[in-house]
Amino acid sequence: MKILITGAAGYIGGLAVERFLSAGNQILALDKKEFQNKIQSPSIQYFQFDLTKDAWEEKIGKVDVVIHCAFDIKSHYGKIQDQHFNNLECCKRIWQYCFKNNVAKLVYLSSAAAYGAKPENIGKLLKETDSLTENIYPYGSDKREAEEIFVKTLKENQTANLKTYFLRLATVNGEKGKKRSRNLFSFLKGTPILPYADKNSARQYINEKDVVAAIDFLINRQDQPIFEIYNLAPSDILTLKDMAKLQKKMALRIPKWLVRLAFYLNWHILRGKIFATAPGSANSFIYPSNMDGSKITKIGFKYSKNSLETFQEVAK
């Protein structure tokens, strides 16, 4: 297969390049960032383009599959509108490219963040049929809107045969993921405490290898519907208190108002330099957005690791 992977210089995009290249596919790796440590192979081509600005479509030509990983995840102070434009414009152009060029399959990496972190999530596992409600936290809101734009575009191209799979990911981590920085947990890694705001503050961890395995599974599966959405999340859930215990840290409960204040001050006074605290991100620390990830298992996919095993892998 000839596969276009966007965001190929990034975290999941890079893992996808490695997996699908090793399987004997022809890879077109695209990113606006410079590629580090390029793989030397006649089966891969590298393209440094900005999806929102450059005329990349003709350079890429026709492909069989698109794996769309490119997305600005981290918000920068004073640049949220730029982030919003970049994320939605790159998705619009990818959707249009796929329909125009009769691409056979599209996989898009969405996020649990699109559901919205809120008190109503407590004690609930979100299903694919639940509404996407995030409209404050930039990353989650952009993911929600990108999905909505695709649904609209699909209606405008009802005769197309593009098979599309959206994967709403839980928190992704693993051997490569643990090297990332500028999130609250990497900031707290060397401290003896782990703060939490509510006994229900929790996370699900999807292993990075399971993300690319799920993409592979869906691309190679036959008899799938034209458009399907899957939550990608193991069944077990880790509360922040659980995580503190596993790391032999002291779990320190702090009031919700103090969490919001800390996030607010870090964002507006320190410009988010210590850890990412964009508007709305405090809610994702306080409230769960845990998902029912069983739908994909009912068609044969198996998770290799649960949340606990992935957390233990990165907490070493």
Protein backbone atom coordinates (compact mmCIF):
# COMPACT_ATOMS: atom_id res chain seq x y z
CA MET A 1 0.00 0.00 0.00
CA LYS A 2 0.98 3.58 -0.55
CA ILE A 3 0.40 5.41 2.74
CA LEU A 4 0.52 9.12 3.54
CA ILE A 5 1.28 9.79 7.22
CA THR A 6 0.87 13.39 8.40
CA GLY A 7 2.60 14.59 11.54
CA ALA A 8 5.23 11.97 10.71
CA ALA A 9 8.00 13.79 12.59
CA GLY A 10 5.90 13.69 15.76
CA TYR A 11 5.19 11.13 18.43
CA ILE A 12 2.52 8.79 17.06
CA GLY A 13 3.22 9.72 13.44
CA GLY A 14 6.83 8.60 13.86
CA LEU A 15 5.75 5.29 15.37
CA ALA A 16 3.30 4.78 12.50
CA VAL A 17 6.09 5.40 9.97
CA GLU A 18 8.23 2.70 11.60
CA ARG A 19 5.43 0.14 11.78
CA PHE A 20 4.04 0.52 8.28
CA LEU A 21 7.46 0.84 6.65
CA SER A 22 8.60 -2.41 8.28
CA ALA A 23 5.46 -4.10 6.92
CA GLY A 24 6.60 -3.43 3.35
CA ASN A 25 4.43 -0.43 2.50
CA GLN A 26 5.45 2.65 0.53
CA ILE A 27 5.44 5.58 2.97
CA LEU A 28 5.02 9.28 2.30
CA ALA A 29 6.00 11.00 5.54
CA LEU A 30 4.79 14.59 5.83
CA ASP A 31 5.36 17.17 8.55
CA LYS A 32 5.90 20.91 8.82
CA LYS A 33 8.81 20.26 11.19
CA GLU A 34 12.22 19.11 10.08
CA PHE A 35 12.71 15.35 10.25
CA GLN A 36 15.38 14.09 12.60
CA ASN A 37 17.12 10.73 12.05
CA LYS A 38 15.52 9.93 8.70
CA ILE A 39 15.16 6.26 7.88
CA GLN A 40 17.23 5.39 4.85
CA SER A 41 15.00 3.28 2.65
CA PRO A 42 13.81 3.38 -0.98
CA SER A 43 10.29 2.78 0.38
CA ILE A 44 9.96 6.13 2.14
CA GLN A 45 9.77 9.73 0.94
CA TYR A 46 9.94 12.73 3.26
CA PHE A 47 8.00 15.94 2.66
CA GLN A 48 8.38 19.08 4.77
CA PHE A 49 5.17 21.01 4.15
CA ASP A 50 2.75 23.09 6.17
CA LEU A 51 -0.62 21.47 5.47
CA THR A 52 -2.41 24.79 5.94
CA LYS A 53 -0.31 26.86 3.56
CA ASP A 54 1.74 24.90 1.08
CA ALA A 55 0.60 23.36 -2.20
CA TRP A 56 1.41 19.83 -1.04
CA GLU A 57 -1.40 17.92 -2.73
CA GLU A 58 0.20 17.73 -6.18
CA LYS A 59 3.58 16.78 -4.71
CA ILE A 60 1.98 13.88 -2.82
CA GLY A 61 -0.15 12.64 -5.69
CA LYS A 62 -2.46 9.67 -5.16
CA VAL A 63 -2.21 7.28 -2.21
CA ASP A 64 -4.22 4.32 -0.93
CA VAL A 65 -4.37 5.27 2.75
CA VAL A 66 -4.06 8.45 4.81
CA ILE A 67 -3.14 8.35 8.50
CA HIS A 68 -3.79 11.86 9.80
CA CYS A 69 -1.77 12.48 12.98
CA ALA A 70 -0.81 16.13 12.41
CA PHE A 71 -2.29 18.41 15.08
CA ASP A 72 -1.04 21.24 17.28
CA ILE A 73 -1.56 19.74 20.73
CA LYS A 74 0.12 22.24 23.02
CA SER A 75 -1.33 25.72 23.31
CA HIS A 76 0.99 28.71 23.47
CA TYR A 77 0.07 31.91 25.24
CA GLY A 78 -1.39 34.47 22.86
CA LYS A 79 -1.51 31.97 19.98
CA ILE A 80 -4.67 29.98 20.64
CA GLN A 81 -6.41 31.45 17.59
CA ASP A 82 -3.43 30.44 15.45
CA GLN A 83 -3.63 26.94 16.90
CA HIS A 84 -7.35 26.79 16.16
CA PHE A 85 -6.87 27.88 12.54
CA ASN A 86 -3.95 25.51 11.93
CA ASN A 87 -5.73 22.47 13.37
CA LEU A 88 -8.99 22.98 11.52
CA GLU A 89 -7.48 24.13 8.24
CA CYS A 90 -5.11 21.16 8.02
CA CYS A 91 -8.05 18.80 8.68
CA LYS A 92 -10.22 20.49 6.06
CA ARG A 93 -7.50 20.15 3.46
CA ILE A 94 -6.86 16.50 4.34
CA TRP A 95 -10.58 15.70 4.13
CA GLN A 96 -10.81 17.43 0.74
CA TYR A 97 -7.65 15.71 -0.51
CA CYS A 98 -9.02 12.28 0.44
CA PHE A 99 -12.34 12.76 -1.33
CA LYS A 100 -10.83 14.42 -4.40
CA ASN A 101 -8.20 11.72 -4.89
CA ASN A 102 -10.41 8.70 -4.17
CA VAL A 103 -8.34 7.59 -1.19
CA ALA A 104 -9.49 4.14 -0.05
CA LYS A 105 -9.04 4.54 3.72
CA LEU A 106 -8.52 7.36 6.20
CA VAL A 107 -7.60 7.05 9.88
CA TYR A 108 -7.83 10.18 12.00
CA LEU A 109 -6.54 10.40 15.55
CA SER A 110 -9.08 12.22 17.71
CA SER A 111 -9.12 12.39 21.50
CA ALA A 112 -11.07 11.70 24.68
CA ALA A 113 -10.63 15.44 25.28
CA ALA A 114 -13.32 16.12 22.67
CA TYR A 115 -15.96 14.73 25.03
CA GLY A 116 -15.17 17.40 27.61
CA ALA A 117 -14.02 16.94 31.21
CA LYS A 118 -16.96 17.72 33.50
CA PRO A 119 -18.62 16.59 36.76
CA GLU A 120 -21.24 14.56 34.84
CA ASN A 121 -18.46 12.18 33.75
CA ILE A 122 -17.93 10.88 37.29
CA GLY A 123 -18.82 7.20 37.50
CA LYS A 124 -19.41 7.02 33.74
CA LEU A 125 -17.60 5.42 30.84
CA LEU A 126 -18.16 7.56 27.75
CA LYS A 127 -19.32 5.74 24.63
CA GLU A 128 -18.87 6.67 21.00
CA THR A 129 -22.54 7.68 20.87
CA ASP A 130 -22.14 10.27 23.64
CA SER A 131 -22.05 13.90 22.58
CA LEU A 132 -18.82 15.82 22.16
CA THR A 133 -19.18 18.89 24.37
CA GLU A 134 -15.73 20.43 24.85
CA ASN A 135 -15.75 24.11 23.88
CA ILE A 136 -13.15 25.73 26.17
CA TYR A 137 -9.99 23.62 26.27
CA PRO A 138 -8.36 24.43 22.89
CA TYR A 139 -7.05 20.95 22.04
CA GLY A 140 -10.31 19.16 22.92
CA SER A 141 -12.45 21.81 21.28
CA ASP A 142 -10.43 21.65 18.06
CA LYS A 143 -10.70 17.85 18.00
CA ARG A 144 -14.47 18.11 18.43
CA GLU A 145 -14.82 20.67 15.67
CA ALA A 146 -12.59 18.72 13.27
CA GLU A 147 -14.87 15.70 13.66
CA GLU A 148 -17.93 17.85 13.00
CA ILE A 149 -16.35 19.30 9.86
CA PHE A 150 -15.63 15.82 8.54
CA VAL A 151 -19.23 14.70 9.08
CA LYS A 152 -20.41 17.74 7.11
CA THR A 153 -17.87 17.05 4.35
CA LEU A 154 -18.95 13.40 4.20
CA LYS A 155 -22.56 14.46 3.62
CA GLU A 156 -21.38 16.60 0.73
CA ASN A 157 -19.60 13.58 -0.79
CA GLN A 158 -22.21 10.88 -0.29
CA THR A 159 -21.17 8.96 -3.40
CA ALA A 160 -17.55 8.62 -2.22
CA ASN A 161 -16.20 5.23 -1.11
CA LEU A 162 -13.70 6.59 1.43
CA LYS A 163 -13.67 4.30 4.47
CA THR A 164 -12.92 6.43 7.51
CA TYR A 165 -12.07 5.50 11.08
CA PHE A 166 -11.81 8.00 13.92
CA LEU A 167 -9.87 6.85 16.97
CA ARG A 168 -10.66 8.80 20.15
CA LEU A 169 -7.56 8.21 22.23
CA ALA A 170 -7.16 8.02 25.98
CA THR A 171 -3.90 9.45 27.36
CA VAL A 172 -1.15 7.96 25.19
CA ASN A 173 2.13 6.89 26.72
CA GLY A 174 4.85 4.28 26.50
CA GLU A 175 8.59 3.88 26.12
CA LYS A 176 8.93 6.79 23.69
CA GLY A 177 6.15 8.83 25.25
CA LYS A 178 7.78 9.02 28.65
CA LYS A 179 10.55 11.17 27.19
CA ARG A 180 8.11 13.98 26.45
CA SER A 181 8.02 17.05 28.69
CA ARG A 182 5.98 20.14 29.56
CA ASN A 183 3.04 18.32 31.04
CA LEU A 184 2.05 18.39 34.70
CA PHE A 185 3.11 14.81 35.41
CA SER A 186 6.58 15.21 33.91
CA PHE A 187 6.92 18.41 35.97
CA LEU A 188 5.99 16.49 39.14
CA LYS A 189 8.06 13.40 38.33
CA GLY A 190 10.93 14.34 40.60
CA THR A 191 8.77 15.54 43.50
CA PRO A 192 7.64 13.42 46.49
CA ILE A 193 3.99 14.45 46.09
CA LEU A 194 1.22 14.04 43.55
CA PRO A 195 -1.64 16.51 43.99
CA TYR A 196 -5.23 15.61 43.21
CA ALA A 197 -8.45 17.59 43.43
CA ASP A 198 -11.10 14.92 43.81
CA LYS A 199 -11.24 11.23 44.71
CA ASN A 200 -12.60 10.68 41.18
CA SER A 201 -9.69 12.41 39.43
CA ALA A 202 -8.52 9.63 37.14
CA ARG A 203 -6.81 8.62 33.90
CA GLN A 204 -6.86 5.84 31.36
CA TYR A 205 -3.58 5.14 29.57
CA ILE A 206 -3.46 3.66 26.08
CA ASN A 207 -0.08 2.26 25.17
CA GLU A 208 1.59 3.89 22.18
CA LYS A 209 2.11 0.46 20.58
CA ASP A 210 -1.61 -0.26 20.85
CA VAL A 211 -2.41 2.99 19.04
CA VAL A 212 -0.40 2.03 15.94
CA ALA A 213 -1.61 -1.57 16.24
CA ALA A 214 -5.23 -0.35 16.16
CA ILE A 215 -4.50 1.76 13.07
CA ASP A 216 -2.95 -1.28 11.40
CA PHE A 217 -5.89 -3.46 12.43
CA LEU A 218 -8.46 -1.10 10.92
CA ILE A 219 -6.57 -0.44 7.71
CA ASN A 220 -6.25 -4.15 6.99
CA ARG A 221 -9.72 -5.20 8.15
CA GLN A 222 -12.23 -6.01 5.47
CA ASP A 223 -16.01 -5.40 5.36
CA GLN A 224 -15.98 -2.28 7.48
CA PRO A 225 -18.64 0.44 7.13
CA ILE A 226 -17.87 3.71 5.35
CA PHE A 227 -17.51 5.68 8.58
CA GLU A 228 -16.90 4.39 12.10
CA ILE A 229 -15.69 5.83 15.41
CA TYR A 230 -13.82 3.89 18.08
CA ASN A 231 -12.75 4.87 21.57
CA LEU A 232 -9.26 3.56 22.24
CA ALA A 233 -8.96 2.95 25.98
CA PRO A 234 -8.27 -0.10 28.16
CA SER A 235 -10.98 -1.09 30.63
CA ASP A 236 -9.07 -0.25 33.81
CA ILE A 237 -8.91 3.25 35.30
CA LEU A 238 -6.22 4.76 37.54
CA THR A 239 -7.16 7.44 40.02
CA LEU A 240 -4.50 10.00 40.82
CA LYS A 241 -4.36 8.49 44.30
CA ASP A 242 -3.58 5.11 42.71
CA MET A 243 -0.84 6.72 40.66
CA ALA A 244 0.70 8.34 43.75
CA LYS A 245 0.73 5.00 45.56
CA LEU A 246 2.34 3.22 42.60
CA GLN A 247 5.10 5.84 42.53
CA LYS A 248 5.44 5.79 46.32
CA LYS A 249 4.48 9.45 46.46
CA MET A 250 2.30 11.24 48.94
CA ALA A 251 -1.15 11.93 47.51
CA LEU A 252 -2.07 15.47 48.48
CA ARG A 253 -5.66 16.57 48.05
CA ILE A 254 -6.04 20.25 47.22
CA PRO A 255 -9.24 22.27 46.74
CA LYS A 256 -10.61 22.61 43.22
CA TRP A 257 -10.48 26.40 43.47
CA LEU A 258 -6.75 26.18 44.24
CA VAL A 259 -6.15 23.94 41.22
CA ARG A 260 -7.94 26.45 39.00
CA LEU A 261 -5.95 29.31 40.52
CA ALA A 262 -2.62 27.50 39.99
CA PHE A 263 -3.49 26.77 36.37
CA TYR A 264 -4.68 30.36 35.85
CA LEU A 265 -1.53 31.91 37.31
CA ASN A 266 0.80 29.58 35.40
CA TRP A 267 -1.00 30.46 32.17
CA HIS A 268 -1.40 34.22 32.58
CA ILE A 269 1.62 35.13 34.72
CA LEU A 270 4.18 32.57 33.58
CA ARG A 271 2.69 32.22 30.08
CA GLY A 272 2.37 28.44 30.55
CA LYS A 273 6.14 27.99 30.71
CA ILE A 274 6.24 25.50 33.59
CA PHE A 275 3.58 23.12 32.27
CA ALA A 276 0.72 23.35 29.80
CA THR A 277 -2.26 25.09 31.44
CA ALA A 278 -4.36 26.51 28.61
CA PRO A 279 -7.92 27.67 29.40
CA GLY A 280 -10.10 24.72 30.38
CA SER A 281 -7.19 22.37 31.06
CA ALA A 282 -7.80 22.50 34.82
CA ASN A 283 -11.03 20.58 34.24
CA SER A 284 -9.12 17.69 32.67
CA PHE A 285 -7.01 17.49 35.84
CA ILE A 286 -10.03 17.63 38.14
CA TYR A 287 -12.65 15.57 36.29
CA PRO A 288 -12.36 12.28 34.41
CA SER A 289 -13.05 11.71 30.73
CA ASN A 290 -12.86 7.95 30.88
CA MET A 291 -14.15 5.94 27.95
CA ASP A 292 -15.63 2.56 27.16
CA GLY A 293 -13.05 1.17 24.74
CA SER A 294 -14.77 -2.17 24.16
CA LYS A 295 -16.35 -1.43 20.77
CA ILE A 296 -13.13 -2.09 18.86
CA THR A 297 -12.50 -5.32 20.81
CA LYS A 298 -15.86 -6.65 19.63
CA ILE A 299 -14.53 -6.74 16.07
CA GLY A 300 -11.36 -8.55 17.07
CA PHE A 301 -8.81 -6.00 18.31
CA LYS A 302 -6.94 -6.82 21.52
CA TYR A 303 -5.13 -4.36 23.78
CA SER A 304 -1.62 -5.55 24.62
CA LYS A 305 -1.42 -3.50 27.82
CA ASN A 306 -3.90 -1.96 30.23
CA SER A 307 -3.66 1.44 31.92
CA LEU A 308 -1.77 0.06 34.90
CA GLU A 309 0.84 -1.69 32.78
CA THR A 310 1.42 1.39 30.63
CA PHE A 311 1.68 3.63 33.70
CA GLN A 312 4.20 1.26 35.28
CA GLU A 313 6.17 1.30 32.02
CA VAL A 314 6.55 5.08 32.05
CA ALA A 315 6.91 5.49 35.82
CA LYS A 316 10.17 3.50 36.00
